[in-house]
C-alpha atoms as a PDB file:
ATOM      1  CA  UNK A   1      47.043-226.480  -5.059  1.00  0.00           C
ATOM      2  CA  UNK A   2      45.485-225.378  -8.132  1.00  0.00           C
ATOM      3  CA  UNK A   3      46.865-226.429 -11.548  1.00  0.00           C
ATOM      4  CA  UNK A   4      47.325-222.867 -12.658  1.00  0.00           C
ATOM      5  CA  UNK A   5      48.787-222.190  -9.125  1.00  0.00           C
ATOM      6  CA  UNK A   6      51.597-224.880  -9.695  1.00  0.00           C
ATOM      7  CA  UNK A   7      52.198-223.828 -13.061  1.00  0.00           C
ATOM      8  CA  UNK A   8      53.180-220.418 -11.695  1.00  0.00           C
ATOM      9  CA  UNK A   9      55.548-221.724  -9.154  1.00  0.00           C
ATOM     10  CA  UNK A  10      56.974-224.119 -11.456  1.00  0.00           C
ATOM     11  CA  UNK A  11      57.527-221.235 -14.191  1.00  0.00           C
ATOM     12  CA  UNK A  12      59.574-219.354 -11.043  1.00  0.00           C
ATOM     13  CA  UNK A  13      61.179-222.986 -10.698  1.00  0.00           C
ATOM     14  CA  UNK A  14      62.099-222.841 -14.515  1.00  0.00           C
ATOM     15  CA  UNK A  15      61.344-220.114 -17.099  1.00  0.00           C
ATOM     16  CA  UNK A  16      61.974-222.756 -19.725  1.00  0.00           C
ATOM     17  CA  UNK A  17      59.446-225.288 -18.545  1.00  0.00           C
ATOM     18  CA  UNK A  18      56.861-226.955 -20.977  1.00  0.00           C
ATOM     19  CA  UNK A  19      53.919-228.168 -20.805  1.00  0.00           C
ATOM     20  CA  UNK A  20      52.575-231.123 -22.147  1.00  0.00           C
ATOM     21  CA  UNK A  21      49.499-233.320 -21.866  1.00  0.00           C
ATOM     22  CA  UNK A  22      50.252-235.149 -18.288  1.00  0.00           C
ATOM     23  CA  UNK A  23      52.444-232.109 -16.678  1.00  0.00           C
ATOM     24  CA  UNK A  24      55.402-230.150 -16.974  1.00  0.00           C
ATOM     25  CA  UNK A  25      58.690-230.946 -18.289  1.00  0.00           C
ATOM     26  CA  UNK A  26      62.200-229.165 -16.672  1.00  0.00           C
ATOM     27  CA  UNK A  27      65.093-227.845 -18.651  1.00  0.00           C
ATOM     28  CA  UNK A  28      66.990-230.544 -16.425  1.00  0.00           C
ATOM     29  CA  UNK A  29      64.585-233.155 -17.525  1.00  0.00           C
ATOM     30  CA  UNK A  30      62.359-233.677 -14.541  1.00  0.00           C
ATOM     31  CA  UNK A  31      58.746-234.371 -14.676  1.00  0.00           C
ATOM     32  CA  UNK A  32      55.689-232.703 -12.552  1.00  0.00           C
ATOM     33  CA  UNK A  33      52.196-234.401 -12.532  1.00  0.00           C
ATOM     34  CA  UNK A  34      49.320-232.756 -12.787  1.00  0.00           C
ATOM     35  CA  UNK A  35      48.773-233.660  -9.922  1.00  0.00           C
ATOM     36  CA  UNK A  36      52.086-232.187  -8.277  1.00  0.00           C
ATOM     37  CA  UNK A  37      54.210-235.506  -7.972  1.00  0.00           C
ATOM     38  CA  UNK A  38      57.861-234.868  -8.878  1.00  0.00           C
ATOM     39  CA  UNK A  39      60.159-237.273 -11.161  1.00  0.00           C
ATOM     40  CA  UNK A  40      64.296-236.407 -10.853  1.00  0.00           C
ATOM     41  CA  UNK A  41      64.431-233.436  -9.076  1.00  0.00           C
ATOM     42  CA  UNK A  42      64.495-233.718  -5.184  1.00  0.00           C
ATOM     43  CA  UNK A  43      65.304-229.798  -4.636  1.00  0.00           C
ATOM     44  CA  UNK A  44      62.099-228.861  -6.780  1.00  0.00           C
ATOM     45  CA  UNK A  45      59.736-231.846  -4.512  1.00  0.00           C
ATOM     46  CA  UNK A  46      60.526-229.856  -1.845  1.00  0.00           C
ATOM     47  CA  UNK A  47      60.402-227.047  -3.127  1.00  0.00           C
ATOM     48  CA  UNK A  48      56.771-227.712  -3.775  1.00  0.00           C
ATOM     49  CA  UNK A  49      55.817-229.238  -0.195  1.00  0.00           C
ATOM     50  CA  UNK A  50      57.019-225.827   0.551  1.00  0.00           C
ATOM     51  CA  UNK A  51      55.214-224.048  -1.561  1.00  0.00           C
ATOM     52  CA  UNK A  52      51.656-225.540  -0.543  1.00  0.00           C
ATOM     53  CA  UNK A  53      52.463-224.403   3.228  1.00  0.00           C
ATOM     54  CA  UNK A  54      53.027-227.646   4.546  1.00  0.00           C
ATOM     55  CA  UNK A  55      56.502-227.279   5.451  1.00  0.00           C
ATOM     56  CA  UNK A  56      57.309-223.973   8.008  1.00  0.00           C
ATOM     57  CA  UNK A  57      59.529-220.769   6.375  1.00  0.00           C
ATOM     58  CA  UNK A  58      63.602-221.690   6.704  1.00  0.00           C
ATOM     59  CA  UNK A  59      65.439-219.476   4.997  1.00  0.00           C
ATOM     60  CA  UNK A  60      65.174-216.090   3.261  1.00  0.00           C
ATOM     61  CA  UNK A  61      66.772-215.516   0.261  1.00  0.00           C
ATOM     62  CA  UNK A  62      70.017-215.847  -2.094  1.00  0.00           C
ATOM     63  CA  UNK A  63      70.692-213.288  -4.968  1.00  0.00           C
ATOM     64  CA  UNK A  64      72.746-215.001  -7.712  1.00  0.00           C
ATOM     65  CA  UNK A  65      75.019-211.600  -8.845  1.00  0.00           C
ATOM     66  CA  UNK A  66      76.713-212.064 -12.425  1.00  0.00           C
ATOM     67  CA  UNK A  67      80.670-210.917 -12.947  1.00  0.00           C
ATOM     68  CA  UNK A  68      82.475-209.726 -10.307  1.00  0.00           C
ATOM     69  CA  UNK A  69      80.894-208.888  -6.390  1.00  0.00           C
ATOM     70  CA  UNK A  70      83.587-206.767  -4.912  1.00  0.00           C
ATOM     71  CA  UNK A  71      83.001-207.029  -0.822  1.00  0.00           C
ATOM     72  CA  UNK A  72      83.165-203.051  -0.778  1.00  0.00           C
ATOM     73  CA  UNK A  73      81.180-202.508  -3.920  1.00  0.00           C
ATOM     74  CA  UNK A  74      78.205-204.870  -1.965  1.00  0.00           C
ATOM     75  CA  UNK A  75      78.940-202.708   1.733  1.00  0.00           C
ATOM     76  CA  UNK A  76      78.094-199.505   0.412  1.00  0.00           C
ATOM     77  CA  UNK A  77      74.920-200.802  -0.197  1.00  0.00           C
ATOM     78  CA  UNK A  78      73.779-202.510   2.586  1.00  0.00           C
ATOM     79  CA  UNK A  79      74.774-198.767   4.813  1.00  0.00           C
ATOM     80  CA  UNK A  80      71.216-197.925   4.107  1.00  0.00           C
ATOM     81  CA  UNK A  81      69.877-200.962   4.950  1.00  0.00           C
ATOM     82  CA  UNK A  82      72.116-202.790   7.410  1.00  0.00           C
ATOM     83  CA  UNK A  83      73.161-200.703  10.695  1.00  0.00           C
ATOM     84  CA  UNK A  84      77.069-200.155  11.154  1.00  0.00           C
ATOM     85  CA  UNK A  85      78.017-202.892   8.566  1.00  0.00           C
ATOM     86  CA  UNK A  86      81.831-204.327   8.726  1.00  0.00           C
ATOM     87  CA  UNK A  87      82.647-206.589   5.923  1.00  0.00           C
ATOM     88  CA  UNK A  88      84.805-209.575   7.287  1.00  0.00           C
ATOM     89  CA  UNK A  89      86.688-211.927   4.682  1.00  0.00           C
ATOM     90  CA  UNK A  90      88.073-215.610   4.581  1.00  0.00           C
ATOM     91  CA  UNK A  91      90.467-214.628   1.110  1.00  0.00           C
ATOM     92  CA  UNK A  92      90.993-218.959   1.370  1.00  0.00           C
ATOM     93  CA  UNK A  93      87.518-220.682   1.063  1.00  0.00           C
ATOM     94  CA  UNK A  94      86.514-216.997  -0.975  1.00  0.00           C
ATOM     95  CA  UNK A  95      84.017-216.079   1.246  1.00  0.00           C
ATOM     96  CA  UNK A  96      83.310-212.295   2.732  1.00  0.00           C
ATOM     97  CA  UNK A  97      80.494-211.690   5.002  1.00  0.00           C
ATOM     98  CA  UNK A  98      79.068-208.430   7.004  1.00  0.00           C
ATOM     99  CA  UNK A  99      79.088-207.703  10.741  1.00  0.00           C
ATOM    100  CA  UNK A 100      75.980-205.125  11.684  1.00  0.00           C
ATOM    101  CA  UNK A 101      74.575-203.185  14.400  1.00  0.00           C
ATOM    102  CA  UNK A 102      71.462-206.189  13.860  1.00  0.00           C
ATOM    103  CA  UNK A 103      72.871-209.056  14.729  1.00  0.00           C
ATOM    104  CA  UNK A 104      69.921-211.198  13.259  1.00  0.00           C
ATOM    105  CA  UNK A 105      70.129-210.587   9.618  1.00  0.00           C
ATOM    106  CA  UNK A 106      73.447-211.766   8.250  1.00  0.00           C
ATOM    107  CA  UNK A 107      74.668-211.123   4.853  1.00  0.00           C
ATOM    108  CA  UNK A 108      77.628-213.094   3.226  1.00  0.00           C
ATOM    109  CA  UNK A 109      78.410-213.873  -0.603  1.00  0.00           C
ATOM    110  CA  UNK A 110      81.022-216.177  -2.617  1.00  0.00           C
ATOM    111  CA  UNK A 111      81.783-216.677  -6.107  1.00  0.00           C
ATOM    112  CA  UNK A 112      79.467-220.056  -7.199  1.00  0.00           C
ATOM    113  CA  UNK A 113      81.314-222.888  -8.296  1.00  0.00           C
ATOM    114  CA  UNK A 114      79.054-225.217 -10.020  1.00  0.00           C
ATOM    115  CA  UNK A 115      75.758-224.803 -11.108  1.00  0.00           C
ATOM    116  CA  UNK A 116      73.064-222.155 -11.205  1.00  0.00           C
ATOM    117  CA  UNK A 117      69.730-222.739 -10.533  1.00  0.00           C
ATOM    118  CA  UNK A 118      67.069-222.988 -13.806  1.00  0.00           C
ATOM    119  CA  UNK A 119      65.762-219.655 -12.409  1.00  0.00           C
ATOM    120  CA  UNK A 120      68.398-217.686 -12.927  1.00  0.00           C
ATOM    121  CA  UNK A 121      68.643-218.965 -16.716  1.00  0.00           C
ATOM    122  CA  UNK A 122      72.618-217.599 -17.587  1.00  0.00           C
ATOM    123  CA  UNK A 123      76.070-218.183 -17.753  1.00  0.00           C
ATOM    124  CA  UNK A 124      79.117-217.226 -16.503  1.00  0.00           C
ATOM    125  CA  UNK A 125      80.745-215.700 -13.607  1.00  0.00           C
ATOM    126  CA  UNK A 126      78.695-215.423 -10.722  1.00  0.00           C
ATOM    127  CA  UNK A 127      78.393-214.896  -6.758  1.00  0.00           C
ATOM    128  CA  UNK A 128      75.581-215.563  -4.214  1.00  0.00           C
ATOM    129  CA  UNK A 129      74.789-213.680  -1.549  1.00  0.00           C
ATOM    130  CA  UNK A 130      72.689-215.334   1.173  1.00  0.00           C
ATOM    131  CA  UNK A 131      70.341-213.561   3.487  1.00  0.00           C
ATOM    132  CA  UNK A 132      69.060-215.067   6.586  1.00  0.00           C
ATOM    133  CA  UNK A 133      67.735-214.786   9.783  1.00  0.00           C
ATOM    134  CA  UNK A 134      69.952-216.277  12.841  1.00  0.00           C
ATOM    135  CA  UNK A 135      67.280-216.321  14.994  1.00  0.00           C
ATOM    136  CA  UNK A 136      64.769-218.162  12.450  1.00  0.00           C
ATOM    137  CA  UNK A 137      62.943-216.030   9.656  1.00  0.00           C
ATOM    138  CA  UNK A 138      59.853-214.058  10.400  1.00  0.00           C
ATOM    139  CA  UNK A 139      57.551-212.199   8.020  1.00  0.00           C
ATOM    140  CA  UNK A 140      59.416-208.997   9.016  1.00  0.00           C
ATOM    141  CA  UNK A 141      63.348-210.164   8.654  1.00  0.00           C
ATOM    142  CA  UNK A 142      61.660-211.948   5.257  1.00  0.00           C
ATOM    143  CA  UNK A 143      60.466-208.003   4.144  1.00  0.00           C
ATOM    144  CA  UNK A 144      64.121-206.252   5.389  1.00  0.00           C
ATOM    145  CA  UNK A 145      65.680-209.421   3.342  1.00  0.00           C
ATOM    146  CA  UNK A 146      63.546-208.900  -0.105  1.00  0.00           C
ATOM    147  CA  UNK A 147      64.785-204.679   0.945  1.00  0.00           C
ATOM    148  CA  UNK A 148      68.253-205.717   0.869  1.00  0.00           C
ATOM    149  CA  UNK A 149      68.194-208.451  -2.324  1.00  0.00           C
ATOM    150  CA  UNK A 150      66.408-205.623  -4.303  1.00  0.00           C
ATOM    151  CA  UNK A 151      69.445-203.182  -3.464  1.00  0.00           C
ATOM    152  CA  UNK A 152      71.814-206.257  -4.206  1.00  0.00           C
ATOM    153  CA  UNK A 153      70.239-206.494  -7.827  1.00  0.00           C
ATOM    154  CA  UNK A 154      70.837-209.699  -9.802  1.00  0.00           C
ATOM    155  CA  UNK A 155      68.437-213.006  -9.146  1.00  0.00           C
ATOM    156  CA  UNK A 156      66.824-213.758  -6.424  1.00  0.00           C
ATOM    157  CA  UNK A 157      65.812-217.547  -5.448  1.00  0.00           C
ATOM    158  CA  UNK A 158      64.507-219.096  -2.058  1.00  0.00           C
ATOM    159  CA  UNK A 159      66.243-221.639  -0.836  1.00  0.00           C
ATOM    160  CA  UNK A 160      65.164-224.659  -3.399  1.00  0.00           C
ATOM    161  CA  UNK A 161      65.114-222.612  -6.238  1.00  0.00           C
ATOM    162  CA  UNK A 162      62.349-220.565  -6.518  1.00  0.00           C
ATOM    163  CA  UNK A 163      62.449-216.850  -8.014  1.00  0.00           C
ATOM    164  CA  UNK A 164      61.751-214.626  -5.331  1.00  0.00           C
ATOM    165  CA  UNK A 165      60.058-211.418  -7.201  1.00  0.00           C
ATOM    166  CA  UNK A 166      57.769-210.201  -4.378  1.00  0.00           C
ATOM    167  CA  UNK A 167      58.019-210.598  -0.628  1.00  0.00           C
ATOM    168  CA  UNK A 168      54.759-212.018  -0.543  1.00  0.00           C
ATOM    169  CA  UNK A 169      56.675-215.173  -2.055  1.00  0.00           C
ATOM    170  CA  UNK A 170      58.700-216.006   1.003  1.00  0.00           C
ATOM    171  CA  UNK A 171      55.936-215.740   3.118  1.00  0.00           C
ATOM    172  CA  UNK A 172      52.620-216.430   2.387  1.00  0.00           C
ATOM    173  CA  UNK A 173      52.856-219.798   2.615  1.00  0.00           C
END
């Protein structure tokens, strides 16, 4: 991976990353050297391994949505993308998910409790929607998951916290 590709990936992870003479400093205090070694952020290190193509695609997308996300509102958005959507909810866990005629793609959502990924770069109340493929991701399911993420809105990230703005960022490597 070239330095410009590395910097582009780092900016997808943390838009506030600062270039330094020997590498890049992230807003969480982590440092990435020019050769790509990471100090202070194991999740980022694993994500860069994935970005280099050395690790297979695993999960698909997480979408961080500000404010309150109502199950019925999300079900309405999903109706055109997932056939026969039915809302399931567990109020004790603060989690809801959707059953549909396509058993492969699953969509679930819950309120974020804890830190947001640096790519989200916002504060306040957030829900996270997970979009995954039960069979294991494929380029086709990644494309469908990306379309769902676009319909939901918010900030889409991969499992490592890298911002996803196009489907090739999930499937290209």
